[in-house]
Protein backbone atom coordinates (compact mmCIF):
# COMPACT_ATOMS: atom_id res chain seq x y z
CA UNK A 1 92.01 97.68 114.47
CA UNK A 2 91.99 101.46 114.28
CA UNK A 3 95.05 102.78 112.47
CA UNK A 4 95.25 105.86 114.70
CA UNK A 5 96.09 103.71 117.73
CA UNK A 6 99.26 102.47 116.06
CA UNK A 7 100.84 105.50 114.38
CA UNK A 8 101.36 109.11 115.39
CA UNK A 9 100.04 111.99 113.32
CA UNK A 10 103.64 112.95 112.54
CA UNK A 11 104.47 109.46 111.24
CA UNK A 12 101.40 109.44 109.03
CA UNK A 13 102.33 112.86 107.68
CA UNK A 14 105.64 111.48 106.39
CA UNK A 15 103.96 108.53 104.69
CA UNK A 16 101.38 110.77 103.01
CA UNK A 17 104.06 113.24 101.92
CA UNK A 18 106.07 110.50 100.20
CA UNK A 19 102.91 109.12 98.56
CA UNK A 20 101.96 112.58 97.26
CA UNK A 21 105.44 113.11 95.84
CA UNK A 22 105.08 109.82 93.97
CA UNK A 23 101.72 111.03 92.63
CA UNK A 24 103.41 114.19 91.36
CA UNK A 25 105.91 112.17 89.38
CA UNK A 26 108.86 111.86 91.74
CA UNK A 27 110.08 108.31 91.26
CA UNK A 28 111.06 106.12 94.19
CA UNK A 29 113.28 106.33 96.03
CA UNK A 30 112.51 110.00 96.72
CA UNK A 31 115.45 112.14 97.82
CA UNK A 32 115.37 112.76 101.57
CA UNK A 33 116.07 116.45 100.95
CA UNK A 34 112.88 116.66 98.86
CA UNK A 35 110.82 115.10 101.65
CA UNK A 36 112.32 117.54 104.15
CA UNK A 37 111.61 120.44 101.81
CA UNK A 38 107.97 119.42 101.43
CA UNK A 39 107.59 119.27 105.21
CA UNK A 40 109.56 122.52 105.73
CA UNK A 41 111.98 120.87 108.15
CA UNK A 42 115.73 120.25 108.27
CA UNK A 43 117.03 117.12 106.49
CA UNK A 44 118.57 115.89 109.76
CA UNK A 45 115.11 115.90 111.38
CA UNK A 46 113.63 114.06 108.41
CA UNK A 47 116.44 111.52 108.61
CA UNK A 48 115.61 110.72 112.22
CA UNK A 49 111.95 110.08 111.46
CA UNK A 50 112.73 108.07 108.33
CA UNK A 51 114.99 105.81 110.37
CA UNK A 52 112.13 105.25 112.83
CA UNK A 53 109.68 104.49 110.03
CA UNK A 54 112.17 102.09 108.48
CA UNK A 55 112.54 100.28 111.79
CA UNK A 56 108.77 99.85 111.86
CA UNK A 57 108.72 98.44 108.33
CA UNK A 58 106.91 101.39 106.75
CA UNK A 59 109.65 102.73 104.48
CA UNK A 60 112.91 101.55 102.94
CA UNK A 61 115.82 104.01 103.00
CA UNK A 62 118.87 103.84 100.76
CA UNK A 63 121.68 106.27 101.69
CA UNK A 64 122.48 108.83 98.97
CA UNK A 65 119.43 107.71 96.99
CA UNK A 66 116.35 108.28 99.07
CA UNK A 67 113.30 106.75 100.68
CA UNK A 68 110.38 104.71 99.39
CA UNK A 69 107.27 103.26 100.95
CA UNK A 70 107.06 99.57 101.71
CA UNK A 71 103.86 97.71 100.86
CA UNK A 72 102.64 98.33 104.41
CA UNK A 73 103.57 102.01 104.32
CA UNK A 74 101.92 102.43 100.93
CA UNK A 75 98.73 100.79 102.14
CA UNK A 76 98.55 103.10 105.16
CA UNK A 77 99.21 106.20 103.04
CA UNK A 78 96.51 105.14 100.57
CA UNK A 79 94.08 104.59 103.42
CA UNK A 80 94.74 108.11 104.75
CA UNK A 81 94.46 109.74 101.33
CA UNK A 82 91.24 107.84 100.63
CA UNK A 83 89.62 109.17 103.79
CA UNK A 84 90.81 112.74 103.31
CA UNK A 85 89.72 112.88 99.68
CA UNK A 86 86.32 111.41 100.42
CA UNK A 87 85.85 114.18 102.95
CA UNK A 88 86.97 116.71 100.34
CA UNK A 89 84.23 115.46 97.99
CA UNK A 90 81.65 115.68 100.78
CA UNK A 91 82.69 119.18 101.85
CA UNK A 92 82.69 120.57 98.31
CA UNK A 93 79.76 118.69 96.79
CA UNK A 94 77.39 118.66 99.77
CA UNK A 95 78.42 121.63 101.95
CA UNK A 96 79.63 123.98 99.18
CA UNK A 97 83.03 124.64 100.74
CA UNK A 98 85.52 126.31 98.37
CA UNK A 99 88.35 124.08 97.16
CA UNK A 100 91.05 126.10 98.92
CA UNK A 101 89.51 125.51 102.36
CA UNK A 102 88.83 121.79 102.36
CA UNK A 103 92.33 120.34 102.74
CA UNK A 104 92.84 121.35 106.37
CA UNK A 105 89.27 120.47 107.37
CA UNK A 106 89.45 117.08 105.63
CA UNK A 107 92.71 116.36 107.43
CA UNK A 108 91.12 117.06 110.82
CA UNK A 109 88.06 114.97 110.00
CA UNK A 110 90.25 112.08 108.89
CA UNK A 111 91.95 112.06 112.30
CA UNK A 112 88.80 112.12 114.41
CA UNK A 113 86.36 110.06 112.33
CA UNK A 114 86.41 106.29 113.01
CA UNK A 115 87.75 104.27 110.11
CA UNK A 116 84.78 101.89 110.28
CA UNK A 117 82.51 104.76 109.28
CA UNK A 118 84.49 105.86 106.24
CA UNK A 119 82.87 103.32 103.92
CA UNK A 120 79.49 104.69 104.90
CA UNK A 121 80.72 108.04 103.65
CA UNK A 122 81.96 106.43 100.44
CA UNK A 123 78.57 104.76 99.99
CA UNK A 124 76.78 108.08 100.53
CA UNK A 125 78.94 109.67 97.84
CA UNK A 126 78.39 106.75 95.40
CA UNK A 127 82.06 105.76 95.50
CA UNK A 128 83.71 108.66 93.64
CA UNK A 129 86.97 107.95 91.81
CA UNK A 130 88.41 111.46 91.92
CA UNK A 131 88.02 114.63 93.97
CA UNK A 132 86.50 117.78 92.42
CA UNK A 133 90.09 119.01 91.91
CA UNK A 134 90.94 115.85 89.96
CA UNK A 135 92.97 113.93 92.56
CA UNK A 136 92.61 110.16 92.49
CA UNK A 137 90.79 108.60 95.45
CA UNK A 138 92.49 105.30 96.33
CA UNK A 139 90.20 102.31 96.46
CA UNK A 140 89.46 100.59 99.73
CA UNK A 141 91.41 97.40 100.35
CA UNK A 142 88.95 96.37 103.04
CA UNK A 143 85.49 96.65 101.53
CA UNK A 144 84.05 95.35 98.28
CA UNK A 145 81.96 98.10 96.71
CA UNK A 146 78.34 97.00 96.31
CA UNK A 147 77.21 96.25 92.78
CA UNK A 148 73.95 98.12 93.33
CA UNK A 149 75.93 101.33 92.94
CA UNK A 150 76.16 100.69 89.23
CA UNK A 151 78.91 100.62 86.65
CA UNK A 152 80.91 103.05 84.57
CA UNK A 153 79.29 104.42 81.43
CA UNK A 154 82.32 103.20 79.48
CA UNK A 155 81.33 99.61 80.33
CA UNK A 156 77.99 99.87 78.51
CA UNK A 157 77.59 98.50 75.00
CA UNK A 158 75.75 99.96 72.03
CA UNK A 159 72.03 100.03 72.71
CA UNK A 160 72.41 99.78 76.47
CA UNK A 161 71.41 102.56 78.82
CA UNK A 162 70.86 103.56 82.40
CA UNK A 163 70.37 106.34 84.92
CA UNK A 164 73.26 108.56 86.00
CA UNK A 165 74.38 108.05 89.59
CA UNK A 166 77.48 110.19 89.90
CA UNK A 167 80.05 112.10 87.84
CA UNK A 168 83.60 111.65 89.17
CA UNK A 169 85.37 114.20 86.99
CA UNK A 170 87.24 117.47 87.35
CA UNK A 171 85.16 120.62 87.71
CA UNK A 172 85.53 121.77 84.09
CA UNK A 173 84.51 118.35 82.74
CA UNK A 174 81.68 118.06 85.22
CA UNK A 175 80.39 121.53 84.27
CA UNK A 176 80.41 120.56 80.57
CA UNK A 177 78.53 117.34 81.23
CA UNK A 178 75.97 119.08 83.41
CA UNK A 179 75.40 121.69 80.69
CA UNK A 180 74.56 118.80 78.36
CA UNK A 181 72.03 117.34 80.78
CA UNK A 182 74.24 114.83 82.63
CA UNK A 183 72.63 115.13 86.04
CA UNK A 184 71.95 112.55 88.74
CA UNK A 185 68.94 110.49 87.70
CA UNK A 186 69.02 111.48 84.02
CA UNK A 187 68.48 108.62 81.58
CA UNK A 188 70.99 107.94 78.81
CA UNK A 189 71.58 105.44 76.03
CA UNK A 190 74.75 104.46 74.14
CA UNK A 191 74.30 104.98 70.40
CA UNK A 192 77.82 104.19 69.18
CA UNK A 193 81.27 103.24 70.48
CA UNK A 194 84.49 104.12 68.67
CA UNK A 195 87.60 101.98 68.28
CA UNK A 196 89.38 103.80 71.13
CA UNK A 197 86.40 103.85 73.48
CA UNK A 198 84.88 107.21 72.50
CA UNK A 199 81.09 107.17 72.77
CA UNK A 200 78.04 108.78 71.21
CA UNK A 201 75.49 109.01 74.00
CA UNK A 202 71.89 110.14 73.85
CA UNK A 203 70.80 111.99 76.97
CA UNK A 204 67.40 113.45 77.87
CA UNK A 205 65.75 114.93 75.88
CA UNK A 206 67.17 113.00 72.93
CA UNK A 207 70.36 115.05 72.77
CA UNK A 208 73.37 113.24 71.25
CA UNK A 209 76.69 113.98 72.94
CA UNK A 210 80.16 112.78 71.92
CA UNK A 211 82.31 111.69 74.88
CA UNK A 212 85.96 110.68 74.98
CA UNK A 213 86.81 107.36 76.62
CA UNK A 214 88.25 109.15 79.69
CA UNK A 215 85.09 111.21 80.20
CA UNK A 216 82.86 108.16 79.73
CA UNK A 217 85.01 106.45 82.35
CA UNK A 218 84.12 109.12 84.91
CA UNK A 219 80.34 108.69 84.74
CA UNK A 220 78.68 106.11 86.98
CA UNK A 221 75.31 104.74 85.89
CA UNK A 222 72.69 102.30 87.11
CA UNK A 223 72.06 100.08 84.06
CA UNK A 224 68.55 99.74 82.72
CA UNK A 225 67.18 96.27 83.38
CA UNK A 226 65.05 94.97 80.49
């Protein structure tokens, strides 16, 4: 069932706002005044909508403490953020839109594009984990990602290798990796793995590069089959 048939754009905006505040470190329950401030509305207006969302089982509101998403509300917010952030990746990586222009466009696309088609977009993008600006892309709760898309570099053992599929890192990290030859299709091999997951990786043409565990965990590869 299409989510857009069940919830208004305004209702979804509240759920996403609360989810984003949680991402930024505001613990639940989030103060109602903070939600209102983020939406640039009066607290009394926010209170009315929160009461409606609570009645529909999407949030839980505690007077004088704040509001938090229920499991259902959290799932919906994650679904929305997943779609918007996948569109952000597409707009920046494939259409060369600047970062400061994609948020509004991605929001519009999320509202008009059928949910059933979103996983096709994710498949096209090789299932990125983060946006170019470093925001986490929630995983789909509906579709199992196909194994043919590969595994993370950090999952390879010493002596194993593969071809790079996608780099899901922030722009600065991605630029560094690309300067070292980490491009789609490039072959690599793991030479050593440290105690905390750091890696020594050999990339074409036989260039050894030291990677932290977090950077190695942002590179998707198609393992070499012996």
